Amino acid sequence: MSDANQNPKNGRSEGLTWAILLAGWTDFAKASVGLPDDGEAGRVKRAVPALIGLQAVACALAEVDQLSPKERAAGLDMGDVLIRQYAGQINEVWRGEAMPPGVEVLVRDARVALEAARRAGTGWILRAGSMVGQFPADLIEALEAMGFGGDVFVVSPGVRVFAGCPIAFVRDKAGPASAEVCGLVEHLLHEGVEQPSRDIFERVVQRGLRQAYRQFDFAKGGPVRDLVVGEDGLPAGQPLLVPAMIAGEALPVSPPIRGASAQAALPVEWDEGEGSSE
């Protein structure tokens, strides 16, 4: 099981800071800049510092999950400020002129990278067998006592889910969940599995909630699969993860659904491009 604050590909480096990440990408981007002074090329040349800055910010944001929670929060704030600053400088260069599509893409990509980093959190995926969603009252009570101010999604109480399915997602104000919060969530998850073990689920850092939808074919008599999509996806079906807390506020969670725990095994499919972890 991976550490909640660890980059699942490279692992977290405690010595990394936002400044180191940003400087590394800035040096890389500066290596091949050389343009003429006149016309459209001249405008691009005047915009080069801001274009390099945007590229550097976007690349650093892709690695921001490697930072400590404090550095991560500071990095997101700085990224927001820098994107606004560089975008303003670029708009000034092309004032009254059509901006080249490639430049527009750089500005958009930096903003998308910031939004993706802000959506990051800790997700759990069931890797073997099945589990039944548990009522999260004790979890929410413990999080409220801690002053937790983020979002919590859990499997709908009483509903059985199967290997490959997301089973929880937590997004703190600074991104991925702390070790203490992860421990509380995993206590709830272990209550729902028939044979608790260390390896029955995987903890990963995700850029946004991965939601599972139970899809039905009533011509066949009921559910046929669980489809996993990203946070912005909205396919047909019954969402299996329900919000138990949003921005630190507890939400009402329906009591267990009668008979849902007897659900026969279903295939779990991830929408193309989602994958099962970041």
C-alpha atoms as a PDB file:
ATOM      1  CA  MET A   1       0.000   0.000   0.000  1.00  0.00           C
ATOM      2  CA  SER A   2       1.426   3.378  -0.946  1.00  0.00           C
ATOM      3  CA  ASP A   3       1.930   6.283   1.405  1.00  0.00           C
ATOM      4  CA  ALA A   4      -0.883   8.834   1.115  1.00  0.00           C
ATOM      5  CA  ASN A   5       1.538  11.704   0.620  1.00  0.00           C
ATOM      6  CA  GLN A   6       3.727   9.815  -1.814  1.00  0.00           C
ATOM      7  CA  ASN A   7       3.904  10.238  -5.559  1.00  0.00           C
ATOM      8  CA  PRO A   8       2.913   6.702  -6.710  1.00  0.00           C
ATOM      9  CA  LYS A   9       5.411   6.781  -9.569  1.00  0.00           C
ATOM     10  CA  ASN A  10       8.471   8.380  -8.038  1.00  0.00           C
ATOM     11  CA  GLY A  11       7.858   8.591  -4.284  1.00  0.00           C
ATOM     12  CA  ARG A  12       7.953  11.841  -2.344  1.00  0.00           C
ATOM     13  CA  SER A  13      11.262  13.559  -1.780  1.00  0.00           C
ATOM     14  CA  GLU A  14      11.203  15.351   1.570  1.00  0.00           C
ATOM     15  CA  GLY A  15      13.893  17.819   0.447  1.00  0.00           C
ATOM     16  CA  LEU A  16      11.958  19.094  -2.558  1.00  0.00           C
ATOM     17  CA  THR A  17      10.470  22.562  -2.423  1.00  0.00           C
ATOM     18  CA  TRP A  18       8.310  24.486  -4.849  1.00  0.00           C
ATOM     19  CA  ALA A  19      11.258  26.745  -5.676  1.00  0.00           C
ATOM     20  CA  ILE A  20      13.460  23.784  -6.653  1.00  0.00           C
ATOM     21  CA  LEU A  21      10.788  22.321  -8.922  1.00  0.00           C
ATOM     22  CA  LEU A  22      10.089  25.663 -10.583  1.00  0.00           C
ATOM     23  CA  ALA A  23      13.763  26.528 -11.068  1.00  0.00           C
ATOM     24  CA  GLY A  24      14.492  23.162 -12.647  1.00  0.00           C
ATOM     25  CA  TRP A  25      11.792  23.511 -15.257  1.00  0.00           C
ATOM     26  CA  THR A  26      12.663  27.178 -15.912  1.00  0.00           C
ATOM     27  CA  ASP A  27      16.293  26.293 -16.690  1.00  0.00           C
ATOM     28  CA  PHE A  28      15.120  23.525 -19.004  1.00  0.00           C
ATOM     29  CA  ALA A  29      12.705  25.825 -20.860  1.00  0.00           C
ATOM     30  CA  LYS A  30      15.294  28.592 -21.337  1.00  0.00           C
ATOM     31  CA  ALA A  31      17.729  26.267 -23.094  1.00  0.00           C
ATOM     32  CA  SER A  32      16.303  26.700 -26.632  1.00  0.00           C
ATOM     33  CA  VAL A  33      14.954  30.257 -26.912  1.00  0.00           C
ATOM     34  CA  GLY A  34      16.061  32.283 -29.999  1.00  0.00           C
ATOM     35  CA  LEU A  35      13.752  34.331 -32.202  1.00  0.00           C
ATOM     36  CA  PRO A  36      13.994  37.372 -34.593  1.00  0.00           C
ATOM     37  CA  ASP A  37      12.916  40.831 -33.402  1.00  0.00           C
ATOM     38  CA  ASP A  38      10.295  41.878 -36.016  1.00  0.00           C
ATOM     39  CA  GLY A  39       6.616  41.134 -36.679  1.00  0.00           C
ATOM     40  CA  GLU A  40       4.782  38.275 -35.052  1.00  0.00           C
ATOM     41  CA  ALA A  41       8.075  36.602 -34.174  1.00  0.00           C
ATOM     42  CA  GLY A  42       9.067  39.797 -32.362  1.00  0.00           C
ATOM     43  CA  ARG A  43       5.920  39.689 -30.282  1.00  0.00           C
ATOM     44  CA  VAL A  44       6.628  36.077 -29.415  1.00  0.00           C
ATOM     45  CA  LYS A  45      10.173  37.036 -28.429  1.00  0.00           C
ATOM     46  CA  ARG A  46       8.907  39.790 -26.125  1.00  0.00           C
ATOM     47  CA  ALA A  47       6.548  37.266 -24.567  1.00  0.00           C
ATOM     48  CA  VAL A  48       9.248  34.604 -24.100  1.00  0.00           C
ATOM     49  CA  PRO A  49       9.836  35.265 -20.358  1.00  0.00           C
ATOM     50  CA  ALA A  50       6.127  34.932 -19.638  1.00  0.00           C
ATOM     51  CA  LEU A  51       5.770  31.899 -21.929  1.00  0.00           C
ATOM     52  CA  ILE A  52       8.689  30.198 -20.189  1.00  0.00           C
ATOM     53  CA  GLY A  53       7.149  31.077 -16.837  1.00  0.00           C
ATOM     54  CA  LEU A  54       3.815  29.530 -17.774  1.00  0.00           C
ATOM     55  CA  GLN A  55       5.519  26.386 -19.036  1.00  0.00           C
ATOM     56  CA  ALA A  56       7.571  26.168 -15.864  1.00  0.00           C
ATOM     57  CA  VAL A  57       4.524  26.611 -13.624  1.00  0.00           C
ATOM     58  CA  ALA A  58       2.523  23.975 -15.515  1.00  0.00           C
ATOM     59  CA  CYS A  59       5.369  21.461 -15.282  1.00  0.00           C
ATOM     60  CA  ALA A  60       5.995  22.173 -11.604  1.00  0.00           C
ATOM     61  CA  LEU A  61       2.286  21.777 -10.841  1.00  0.00           C
ATOM     62  CA  ALA A  62       2.433  18.302 -12.383  1.00  0.00           C
ATOM     63  CA  GLU A  63       4.958  17.371  -9.671  1.00  0.00           C
ATOM     64  CA  VAL A  64       3.514  19.311  -6.744  1.00  0.00           C
ATOM     65  CA  ASP A  65       2.149  16.159  -5.070  1.00  0.00           C
ATOM     66  CA  GLN A  66       5.747  15.284  -4.146  1.00  0.00           C
ATOM     67  CA  LEU A  67       5.851  18.198  -1.704  1.00  0.00           C
ATOM     68  CA  SER A  68       4.959  18.266   1.968  1.00  0.00           C
ATOM     69  CA  PRO A  69       1.387  19.504   2.677  1.00  0.00           C
ATOM     70  CA  LYS A  70       2.681  22.931   3.798  1.00  0.00           C
ATOM     71  CA  GLU A  71       4.905  23.367   0.729  1.00  0.00           C
ATOM     72  CA  ARG A  72       2.138  22.046  -1.510  1.00  0.00           C
ATOM     73  CA  ALA A  73      -0.371  24.633  -0.275  1.00  0.00           C
ATOM     74  CA  ALA A  74       2.197  27.415  -0.709  1.00  0.00           C
ATOM     75  CA  GLY A  75       3.020  26.112  -4.193  1.00  0.00           C
ATOM     76  CA  LEU A  76      -0.604  26.199  -5.304  1.00  0.00           C
ATOM     77  CA  ASP A  77      -0.985  29.768  -4.057  1.00  0.00           C
ATOM     78  CA  MET A  78       2.210  30.811  -5.823  1.00  0.00           C
ATOM     79  CA  GLY A  79       1.156  28.988  -8.992  1.00  0.00           C
ATOM     80  CA  ASP A  80      -2.118  30.911  -9.042  1.00  0.00           C
ATOM     81  CA  VAL A  81      -0.319  34.255  -8.643  1.00  0.00           C
ATOM     82  CA  LEU A  82       2.275  33.449 -11.311  1.00  0.00           C
ATOM     83  CA  ILE A  83      -0.266  32.247 -13.867  1.00  0.00           C
ATOM     84  CA  ARG A  84      -2.246  35.468 -13.466  1.00  0.00           C
ATOM     85  CA  GLN A  85       0.943  37.523 -13.764  1.00  0.00           C
ATOM     86  CA  TYR A  86       2.278  35.745 -16.871  1.00  0.00           C
ATOM     87  CA  ALA A  87      -1.113  35.629 -18.583  1.00  0.00           C
ATOM     88  CA  GLY A  88      -1.452  39.402 -18.039  1.00  0.00           C
ATOM     89  CA  GLN A  89       1.971  40.023 -19.583  1.00  0.00           C
ATOM     90  CA  ILE A  90       1.098  37.870 -22.605  1.00  0.00           C
ATOM     91  CA  ASN A  91      -2.217  39.659 -23.102  1.00  0.00           C
ATOM     92  CA  GLU A  92      -0.357  42.975 -23.014  1.00  0.00           C
ATOM     93  CA  VAL A  93       2.028  41.831 -25.798  1.00  0.00           C
ATOM     94  CA  TRP A  94      -0.890  40.897 -28.090  1.00  0.00           C
ATOM     95  CA  ARG A  95      -3.185  43.786 -27.126  1.00  0.00           C
ATOM     96  CA  GLY A  96      -5.367  44.507 -30.157  1.00  0.00           C
ATOM     97  CA  GLU A  97      -3.926  41.537 -32.067  1.00  0.00           C
ATOM     98  CA  ALA A  98      -5.039  37.929 -32.442  1.00  0.00           C
ATOM     99  CA  MET A  99      -3.022  35.712 -30.125  1.00  0.00           C
ATOM    100  CA  PRO A 100      -1.385  32.686 -31.857  1.00  0.00           C
ATOM    101  CA  PRO A 101      -3.181  29.403 -31.096  1.00  0.00           C
ATOM    102  CA  GLY A 102      -0.009  27.911 -29.606  1.00  0.00           C
ATOM    103  CA  VAL A 103       0.232  30.739 -27.082  1.00  0.00           C
ATOM    104  CA  GLU A 104      -3.422  30.352 -26.142  1.00  0.00           C
ATOM    105  CA  VAL A 105      -2.752  26.652 -25.527  1.00  0.00           C
ATOM    106  CA  LEU A 106       0.120  27.439 -23.140  1.00  0.00           C
ATOM    107  CA  VAL A 107      -2.081  29.779 -21.110  1.00  0.00           C
ATOM    108  CA  ARG A 108      -4.920  27.259 -21.032  1.00  0.00           C
ATOM    109  CA  ASP A 109      -2.622  24.352 -20.112  1.00  0.00           C
ATOM    110  CA  ALA A 110      -1.220  26.257 -17.133  1.00  0.00           C
ATOM    111  CA  ARG A 111      -4.716  27.025 -15.841  1.00  0.00           C
ATOM    112  CA  VAL A 112      -5.800  23.403 -16.357  1.00  0.00           C
ATOM    113  CA  ALA A 113      -2.706  22.195 -14.464  1.00  0.00           C
ATOM    114  CA  LEU A 114      -3.558  24.452 -11.514  1.00  0.00           C
ATOM    115  CA  GLU A 115      -7.162  23.248 -11.405  1.00  0.00           C
ATOM    116  CA  ALA A 116      -6.046  19.603 -11.584  1.00  0.00           C
ATOM    117  CA  ALA A 117      -3.594  20.125  -8.715  1.00  0.00           C
ATOM    118  CA  ARG A 118      -6.323  21.752  -6.613  1.00  0.00           C
ATOM    119  CA  ARG A 119      -8.532  18.695  -7.114  1.00  0.00           C
ATOM    120  CA  ALA A 120      -5.895  16.243  -5.886  1.00  0.00           C
ATOM    121  CA  GLY A 121      -6.688  13.963  -3.006  1.00  0.00           C
ATOM    122  CA  THR A 122      -6.184  10.456  -1.645  1.00  0.00           C
ATOM    123  CA  GLY A 123      -8.170   7.625  -3.178  1.00  0.00           C
ATOM    124  CA  TRP A 124      -8.606   3.976  -2.258  1.00  0.00           C
ATOM    125  CA  ILE A 125      -9.218   1.169  -4.775  1.00  0.00           C
ATOM    126  CA  LEU A 126     -10.371  -2.332  -3.890  1.00  0.00           C
ATOM    127  CA  ARG A 127      -7.839  -4.799  -5.275  1.00  0.00           C
ATOM    128  CA  ALA A 128      -9.345  -8.157  -4.309  1.00  0.00           C
ATOM    129  CA  GLY A 129     -12.657  -9.728  -3.376  1.00  0.00           C
ATOM    130  CA  SER A 130     -15.587  -7.522  -2.477  1.00  0.00           C
ATOM    131  CA  MET A 131     -16.666  -5.185   0.291  1.00  0.00           C
ATOM    132  CA  VAL A 132     -19.864  -3.660   1.650  1.00  0.00           C
ATOM    133  CA  GLY A 133     -20.094   0.068   2.328  1.00  0.00           C
ATOM    134  CA  GLN A 134     -20.307   0.941   6.024  1.00  0.00           C
ATOM    135  CA  PHE A 135     -22.166   3.793   7.688  1.00  0.00           C
ATOM    136  CA  PRO A 136     -19.489   6.500   8.264  1.00  0.00           C
ATOM    137  CA  ALA A 137     -20.858   8.108  11.443  1.00  0.00           C
ATOM    138  CA  ASP A 138     -17.790   7.314  13.591  1.00  0.00           C
ATOM    139  CA  LEU A 139     -15.419   8.461  10.837  1.00  0.00           C
ATOM    140  CA  ILE A 140     -17.189  11.796  10.410  1.00  0.00           C
ATOM    141  CA  GLU A 141     -17.339  12.340  14.168  1.00  0.00           C
ATOM    142  CA  ALA A 142     -13.579  11.748  14.440  1.00  0.00           C
ATOM    143  CA  LEU A 143     -12.833  14.073  11.512  1.00  0.00           C
ATOM    144  CA  GLU A 144     -15.019  16.820  12.966  1.00  0.00           C
ATOM    145  CA  ALA A 145     -13.167  16.494  16.282  1.00  0.00           C
ATOM    146  CA  MET A 146      -9.884  16.970  14.371  1.00  0.00           C
ATOM    147  CA  GLY A 147     -11.194  20.086  12.646  1.00  0.00           C
ATOM    148  CA  PHE A 148     -10.874  18.449   9.235  1.00  0.00           C
ATOM    149  CA  GLY A 149     -11.928  20.916   6.543  1.00  0.00           C
ATOM    150  CA  GLY A 150     -11.959  18.833   3.377  1.00  0.00           C
ATOM    151  CA  ASP A 151     -14.124  16.417   1.387  1.00  0.00           C
ATOM    152  CA  VAL A 152     -14.873  12.748   2.103  1.00  0.00           C
ATOM    153  CA  PHE A 153     -16.549  10.219  -0.214  1.00  0.00           C
ATOM    154  CA  VAL A 154     -17.290   6.613   0.806  1.00  0.00           C
ATOM    155  CA  VAL A 155     -19.152   3.635  -0.651  1.00  0.00           C
ATOM    156  CA  SER A 156     -22.889   3.996  -0.109  1.00  0.00           C
ATOM    157  CA  PRO A 157     -23.754   2.087   3.101  1.00  0.00           C
ATOM    158  CA  GLY A 158     -24.975  -1.457   2.481  1.00  0.00           C
ATOM    159  CA  VAL A 159     -23.864  -1.538  -1.166  1.00  0.00           C
ATOM    160  CA  ARG A 160     -21.461  -4.300  -2.225  1.00  0.00           C
ATOM    161  CA  VAL A 161     -18.631  -3.380  -4.617  1.00  0.00           C
ATOM    162  CA  PHE A 162     -16.005  -5.509  -6.309  1.00  0.00           C
ATOM    163  CA  ALA A 163     -12.312  -5.660  -7.151  1.00  0.00           C
ATOM    164  CA  GLY A 164     -11.166  -2.681  -9.225  1.00  0.00           C
ATOM    165  CA  CYS A 165     -13.744  -0.302  -7.773  1.00  0.00           C
ATOM    166  CA  PRO A 166     -12.891   2.982  -6.004  1.00  0.00           C
ATOM    167  CA  ILE A 167     -14.021   2.684  -2.378  1.00  0.00           C
ATOM    168  CA  ALA A 168     -13.134   6.069  -0.830  1.00  0.00           C
ATOM    169  CA  PHE A 169     -11.735   9.494  -1.668  1.00  0.00           C
ATOM    170  CA  VAL A 170     -10.508  12.223   0.671  1.00  0.00           C
ATOM    171  CA  ARG A 171      -9.418  15.704  -0.363  1.00  0.00           C
ATOM    172  CA  ASP A 172      -8.031  17.939   2.359  1.00  0.00           C
ATOM    173  CA  LYS A 173      -7.655  21.692   2.016  1.00  0.00           C
ATOM    174  CA  ALA A 174      -3.971  21.120   1.195  1.00  0.00           C
ATOM    175  CA  GLY A 175      -4.612  18.150  -1.114  1.00  0.00           C
ATOM    176  CA  PRO A 176      -3.942  14.490  -0.203  1.00  0.00           C
ATOM    177  CA  ALA A 177      -4.981  13.268   3.236  1.00  0.00           C
ATOM    178  CA  SER A 178      -2.655  13.114   6.244  1.00  0.00           C
ATOM    179  CA  ALA A 179      -1.525   9.787   7.689  1.00  0.00           C
ATOM    180  CA  GLU A 180      -3.921  10.270  10.624  1.00  0.00           C
ATOM    181  CA  VAL A 181      -6.913  10.821   8.348  1.00  0.00           C
ATOM    182  CA  CYS A 182      -5.895   7.848   6.177  1.00  0.00           C
ATOM    183  CA  GLY A 183      -5.836   5.638   9.255  1.00  0.00           C
ATOM    184  CA  LEU A 184      -9.393   6.633  10.171  1.00  0.00           C
ATOM    185  CA  VAL A 185     -10.652   5.989   6.634  1.00  0.00           C
ATOM    186  CA  GLU A 186      -8.944   2.615   6.441  1.00  0.00           C
ATOM    187  CA  HIS A 187     -10.494   1.542   9.743  1.00  0.00           C
ATOM    188  CA  LEU A 188     -13.912   2.111   8.149  1.00  0.00           C
ATOM    189  CA  LEU A 189     -12.898   0.263   4.967  1.00  0.00           C
ATOM    190  CA  HIS A 190     -11.631  -2.769   6.872  1.00  0.00           C
ATOM    191  CA  GLU A 191     -15.021  -3.051   8.573  1.00  0.00           C
ATOM    192  CA  GLY A 192     -16.614  -3.625   5.174  1.00  0.00           C
ATOM    193  CA  VAL A 193     -14.403  -6.437   3.848  1.00  0.00           C
ATOM    194  CA  GLU A 194     -14.922 -10.091   4.672  1.00  0.00           C
ATOM    195  CA  GLN A 195     -11.218 -10.919   5.057  1.00  0.00           C
ATOM    196  CA  PRO A 196      -9.352  -7.762   6.128  1.00  0.00           C
ATOM    197  CA  SER A 197      -5.733  -7.650   5.014  1.00  0.00           C
ATOM    198  CA  ARG A 198      -3.086  -5.030   4.367  1.00  0.00           C
ATOM    199  CA  ASP A 199      -3.155  -5.589   0.627  1.00  0.00           C
ATOM    200  CA  ILE A 200      -6.881  -5.819  -0.072  1.00  0.00           C
ATOM    201  CA  PHE A 201      -7.028  -2.178  -1.141  1.00  0.00           C
ATOM    202  CA  GLU A 202      -4.540   0.316  -2.575  1.00  0.00           C
ATOM    203  CA  ARG A 203      -4.096   3.920  -1.534  1.00  0.00           C
ATOM    204  CA  VAL A 204      -3.115   6.359  -4.285  1.00  0.00           C
ATOM    205  CA  VAL A 205      -2.797  10.089  -4.871  1.00  0.00           C
ATOM    206  CA  GLN A 206      -5.387  11.084  -7.484  1.00  0.00           C
ATOM    207  CA  ARG A 207      -5.987  14.279  -9.424  1.00  0.00           C
ATOM    208  CA  GLY A 208      -9.670  14.310  -8.560  1.00  0.00           C
ATOM    209  CA  LEU A 209     -12.389  11.902  -7.478  1.00  0.00           C
ATOM    210  CA  ARG A 210     -12.787   8.632  -9.384  1.00  0.00           C
ATOM    211  CA  GLN A 211     -16.488   7.789  -9.226  1.00  0.00           C
ATOM    212  CA  ALA A 212     -18.041   4.403  -9.999  1.00  0.00           C
ATOM    213  CA  TYR A 213     -21.496   4.154 -11.566  1.00  0.00           C
ATOM    214  CA  ARG A 214     -23.536   0.957 -11.359  1.00  0.00           C
ATOM    215  CA  GLN A 215     -25.136   0.572 -14.764  1.00  0.00           C
ATOM    216  CA  PHE A 216     -28.302  -1.365 -15.443  1.00  0.00           C
ATOM    217  CA  ASP A 217     -29.819  -3.247 -18.349  1.00  0.00           C
ATOM    218  CA  PHE A 218     -33.381  -3.948 -17.357  1.00  0.00           C
ATOM    219  CA  ALA A 219     -33.855  -6.179 -20.397  1.00  0.00           C
ATOM    220  CA  LYS A 220     -31.311  -8.456 -18.707  1.00  0.00           C
ATOM    221  CA  GLY A 221     -32.918  -8.090 -15.310  1.00  0.00           C
ATOM    222  CA  GLY A 222     -30.652  -5.693 -13.437  1.00  0.00           C
ATOM    223  CA  PRO A 223     -27.102  -4.319 -13.081  1.00  0.00           C
ATOM    224  CA  VAL A 224     -24.491  -5.378 -15.634  1.00  0.00           C
ATOM    225  CA  ARG A 225     -21.295  -3.510 -14.676  1.00  0.00           C
ATOM    226  CA  ASP A 226     -19.691  -0.768 -12.595  1.00  0.00           C
ATOM    227  CA  LEU A 227     -18.114   1.975 -14.729  1.00  0.00           C
ATOM    228  CA  VAL A 228     -15.378   4.202 -13.252  1.00  0.00           C
ATOM    229  CA  VAL A 229     -14.996   7.742 -14.606  1.00  0.00           C
ATOM    230  CA  GLY A 230     -13.219  10.948 -13.624  1.00  0.00           C
ATOM    231  CA  GLU A 231     -14.678  13.748 -11.533  1.00  0.00           C
ATOM    232  CA  ASP A 232     -16.262  15.519 -14.508  1.00  0.00           C
ATOM    233  CA  GLY A 233     -17.806  12.371 -16.008  1.00  0.00           C
ATOM    234  CA  LEU A 234     -21.545  11.867 -15.715  1.00  0.00           C
ATOM    235  CA  PRO A 235     -22.581   8.558 -17.304  1.00  0.00           C
ATOM    236  CA  ALA A 236     -25.876   6.796 -16.761  1.00  0.00           C
ATOM    237  CA  GLY A 237     -26.158   4.719 -13.620  1.00  0.00           C
ATOM    238  CA  GLN A 238     -26.167   4.836  -9.818  1.00  0.00           C
ATOM    239  CA  PRO A 239     -23.108   6.548  -8.252  1.00  0.00           C
ATOM    240  CA  LEU A 240     -21.547   4.210  -5.696  1.00  0.00           C
ATOM    241  CA  LEU A 241     -19.462   6.759  -3.757  1.00  0.00           C
ATOM    242  CA  VAL A 242     -21.508   9.222  -1.722  1.00  0.00           C
ATOM    243  CA  PRO A 243     -20.306  12.467  -0.102  1.00  0.00           C
ATOM    244  CA  ALA A 244     -20.113  12.193   3.677  1.00  0.00           C
ATOM    245  CA  MET A 245     -18.369  15.547   4.191  1.00  0.00           C
ATOM    246  CA  ILE A 246     -17.813  18.559   1.916  1.00  0.00           C
ATOM    247  CA  ALA A 247     -15.515  21.437   2.916  1.00  0.00           C
ATOM    248  CA  GLY A 248     -15.535  20.158   6.493  1.00  0.00           C
ATOM    249  CA  GLU A 249     -19.339  20.056   6.751  1.00  0.00           C
ATOM    250  CA  ALA A 250     -20.932  16.674   7.499  1.00  0.00           C
ATOM    251  CA  LEU A 251     -23.667  15.650   5.057  1.00  0.00           C
ATOM    252  CA  PRO A 252     -26.589  13.290   5.698  1.00  0.00           C
ATOM    253  CA  VAL A 253     -25.805   9.777   4.466  1.00  0.00           C
ATOM    254  CA  SER A 254     -28.669   7.409   3.726  1.00  0.00           C
ATOM    255  CA  PRO A 255     -28.922   4.278   5.891  1.00  0.00           C
ATOM    256  CA  PRO A 256     -27.890   0.941   4.337  1.00  0.00           C
ATOM    257  CA  ILE A 257     -29.898  -0.124   1.290  1.00  0.00           C
ATOM    258  CA  ARG A 258     -31.770  -3.320   2.062  1.00  0.00           C
ATOM    259  CA  GLY A 259     -30.629  -6.251  -0.071  1.00  0.00           C
ATOM    260  CA  ALA A 260     -27.808  -4.350  -1.799  1.00  0.00           C
ATOM    261  CA  SER A 261     -25.136  -6.394  -0.002  1.00  0.00           C
ATOM    262  CA  ALA A 262     -26.395  -9.557  -1.766  1.00  0.00           C
ATOM    263  CA  GLN A 263     -25.404  -8.194  -5.192  1.00  0.00           C
ATOM    264  CA  ALA A 264     -23.772 -10.852  -7.390  1.00  0.00           C
ATOM    265  CA  ALA A 265     -20.271 -10.047  -8.642  1.00  0.00           C
ATOM    266  CA  LEU A 266     -20.083  -7.460 -11.433  1.00  0.00           C
ATOM    267  CA  PRO A 267     -17.241  -6.481 -13.776  1.00  0.00           C
ATOM    268  CA  VAL A 268     -15.587  -3.160 -12.948  1.00  0.00           C
ATOM    269  CA  GLU A 269     -14.488  -1.197 -16.009  1.00  0.00           C
ATOM    270  CA  TRP A 270     -12.473   2.027 -16.095  1.00  0.00           C
ATOM    271  CA  ASP A 271     -13.355   4.590 -18.727  1.00  0.00           C
ATOM    272  CA  GLU A 272     -10.615   4.871 -21.362  1.00  0.00           C
ATOM    273  CA  GLY A 273      -7.869   7.221 -20.239  1.00  0.00           C
ATOM    274  CA  GLU A 274      -8.705   6.987 -16.542  1.00  0.00           C
ATOM    275  CA  GLY A 275      -6.490   4.082 -15.462  1.00  0.00           C
ATOM    276  CA  SER A 276      -6.699   2.746 -11.938  1.00  0.00           C
ATOM    277  CA  SER A 277      -4.215   5.173 -10.383  1.00  0.00           C
ATOM    278  CA  GLU A 278      -2.273   8.349 -11.114  1.00  0.00           C
END
